[in-house]
Amino acid sequence: SSPKLDPSSIIVRMLIDMYVEIGDQIALQYGGSEAHKKVASAGEKTNVPGQLGKHKELLTSIRRYYSNAFTDRLKQDAMNLFLGYYVPSQNNLPLWELDNDYYLHNFHVNAGRGALQSMKSY
């Protein structure tokens, strides 16, 4: 038998609050908005009832759509550079001229013709 924590204890509430905050920060970095669904923290309800909750979810969806459509490419390029998927000295094309980053992440795919196409060719 392993020790168990009481769900209503202060330490459990603090852990849940930390996880909710970390989840929001990760969602902001990755998705461009706070997390959609959240765990109840410190006695709060998980979902806002009625129209207010629907509007909040809609606003979060709009923020994510905007982020995906207009800002994700820059973030992804920065991550590819930071994580070493794109190494400037090993590529003929600058990172910002690549049509997409598919071949940076899928080494097993036969690169073939047009693998790392320049945006200038369009």
Foldseek 3Di string as FASTA:
>chain_A
DDDDDDCPDPVNLVVLVVVQVVQQVVCCLQQVGGDLFGDDHPPRDGADDDPVRVVVNVVSVVRSVCCVVPPVLVSVLVVCVVVVLDDPVVDPDDSVQFPDCVCSPCVVDDCPPPNGGGVVVD
